[in-house]
Protein backbone atom coordinates (compact mmCIF):
# COMPACT_ATOMS: atom_id res chain seq x y z
CA UNK A 1 -11.66 36.63 8.82
CA UNK A 2 -10.35 34.59 11.75
CA UNK A 3 -7.05 32.88 11.19
CA UNK A 4 -7.37 29.14 10.74
CA UNK A 5 -4.77 26.82 12.07
CA UNK A 6 -3.72 23.77 10.08
CA UNK A 7 -5.23 20.58 11.37
CA UNK A 8 -2.71 17.94 12.35
CA UNK A 9 -3.34 14.75 10.47
CA UNK A 10 -2.49 11.31 11.71
CA UNK A 11 -0.15 9.23 9.59
CA UNK A 12 -2.05 7.10 7.06
CA UNK A 13 -2.61 3.51 8.11
CA UNK A 14 -3.29 0.83 5.51
CA UNK A 15 -5.37 -2.28 6.20
CA UNK A 16 -2.35 -4.52 6.75
CA UNK A 17 -0.93 -2.08 9.29
CA UNK A 18 -4.33 -1.88 10.98
CA UNK A 19 -4.35 -5.66 11.40
CA UNK A 20 -0.86 -5.56 12.91
CA UNK A 21 -1.80 -2.68 15.23
CA UNK A 22 -4.92 -4.50 16.42
CA UNK A 23 -2.68 -6.94 18.30
CA UNK A 24 -1.54 -4.06 20.52
CA UNK A 25 -5.04 -2.85 21.49
CA UNK A 26 -5.28 -5.07 24.62
CA UNK A 27 -1.91 -3.72 25.78
CA UNK A 28 -3.11 -0.12 25.41
CA UNK A 29 -6.35 -0.88 27.29
CA UNK A 30 -4.42 -2.62 30.10
CA UNK A 31 -2.04 0.32 30.40
CA UNK A 32 -4.91 2.82 30.63
CA UNK A 33 -6.76 0.68 33.18
CA UNK A 34 -3.60 0.21 35.25
CA UNK A 35 -2.75 3.89 35.30
CA UNK A 36 -6.32 4.77 36.26
CA UNK A 37 -6.24 2.22 39.08
CA UNK A 38 -2.89 3.53 40.37
CA UNK A 39 -3.48 7.25 39.97
CA UNK A 40 -7.22 7.52 40.58
CA UNK A 41 -9.35 10.39 39.34
CA UNK A 42 -8.04 13.70 38.05
CA UNK A 43 -5.08 15.00 36.05
CA UNK A 44 -6.03 13.34 32.77
CA UNK A 45 -3.31 14.96 30.66
CA UNK A 46 -0.55 13.71 32.97
CA UNK A 47 -2.03 10.20 33.01
CA UNK A 48 -2.37 10.26 29.22
CA UNK A 49 1.28 11.29 28.83
CA UNK A 50 2.26 8.46 31.17
CA UNK A 51 0.15 6.01 29.16
CA UNK A 52 1.78 7.12 25.88
CA UNK A 53 5.24 6.61 27.44
CA UNK A 54 4.28 3.11 28.59
CA UNK A 55 2.78 2.24 25.19
CA UNK A 56 5.97 3.44 23.48
CA UNK A 57 8.04 1.35 25.89
CA UNK A 58 5.86 -1.72 25.29
CA UNK A 59 6.18 -1.25 21.54
CA UNK A 60 9.96 -0.90 21.82
CA UNK A 61 10.13 -4.03 23.96
CA UNK A 62 8.00 -6.09 21.55
CA UNK A 63 10.02 -4.89 18.56
CA UNK A 64 13.25 -5.58 20.46
CA UNK A 65 12.18 -9.14 21.22
CA UNK A 66 11.14 -9.63 17.61
CA UNK A 67 14.43 -8.04 16.52
CA UNK A 68 12.66 -6.10 13.78
CA UNK A 69 10.52 -3.04 13.20
CA UNK A 70 6.97 -4.41 13.33
CA UNK A 71 4.97 -1.21 12.80
CA UNK A 72 5.37 2.43 11.83
CA UNK A 73 6.04 3.88 15.28
CA UNK A 74 4.60 7.34 14.54
CA UNK A 75 1.40 5.88 13.10
CA UNK A 76 1.08 3.43 15.97
CA UNK A 77 1.58 6.08 18.66
CA UNK A 78 -0.99 8.28 16.90
CA UNK A 79 -3.40 5.35 16.97
CA UNK A 80 -2.51 4.66 20.61
CA UNK A 81 -3.34 8.27 21.46
CA UNK A 82 -6.80 7.80 19.95
CA UNK A 83 -7.21 4.43 21.68
CA UNK A 84 -6.37 6.02 25.03
CA UNK A 85 -9.05 8.65 24.44
CA UNK A 86 -11.53 5.90 23.55
CA UNK A 87 -10.58 3.80 26.60
CA UNK A 88 -11.09 6.79 28.90
CA UNK A 89 -14.47 7.51 27.31
CA UNK A 90 -15.51 3.88 27.77
CA UNK A 91 -14.37 3.91 31.39
CA UNK A 92 -16.50 7.00 31.98
CA UNK A 93 -19.50 5.22 30.44
CA UNK A 94 -19.07 2.09 32.56
CA UNK A 95 -21.42 3.20 35.39
CA UNK A 96 -24.16 3.95 32.85
CA UNK A 97 -23.64 0.60 31.11
CA UNK A 98 -23.82 -1.19 34.47
CA UNK A 99 -27.05 0.66 35.32
CA UNK A 100 -28.63 -0.34 31.99
CA UNK A 101 -27.51 -3.95 32.52
CA UNK A 102 -29.11 -3.94 35.98
CA UNK A 103 -32.38 -2.68 34.48
CA UNK A 104 -32.26 -5.41 31.83
CA UNK A 105 -31.61 -8.08 34.48
CA UNK A 106 -34.58 -6.74 36.47
CA UNK A 107 -36.85 -7.20 33.44
CA UNK A 108 -36.02 -10.89 33.01
CA UNK A 109 -38.80 -13.20 34.18
CA UNK A 110 -38.00 -15.11 37.32
CA UNK A 111 -37.61 -18.88 36.79
CA UNK A 112 -40.50 -20.98 38.04
CA UNK A 113 -39.70 -22.93 41.17
């Protein structure tokens, strides 16, 4: 039998934490978009590591300003990792979405003059 490796599990997030974390989603998306714009295509793992560092710094800054621990840092960074993956996937789909939108616009009837 092949040896199975234990699967790493993300820290559990309850609904109240999820609501708190949702406030950080735009920050994560902006960081990913900014890194992609600065670095361009290629070297995804390096860009992801850079994004995680920036997300951690943003979290530290927000918690520092608030002068309290707002979220479970490990759970949030685990969620941020997944959000970064999702943001990259969505960015890759953008050309297809734009093509579908163009086809939909082409199907709209032209207004009568």
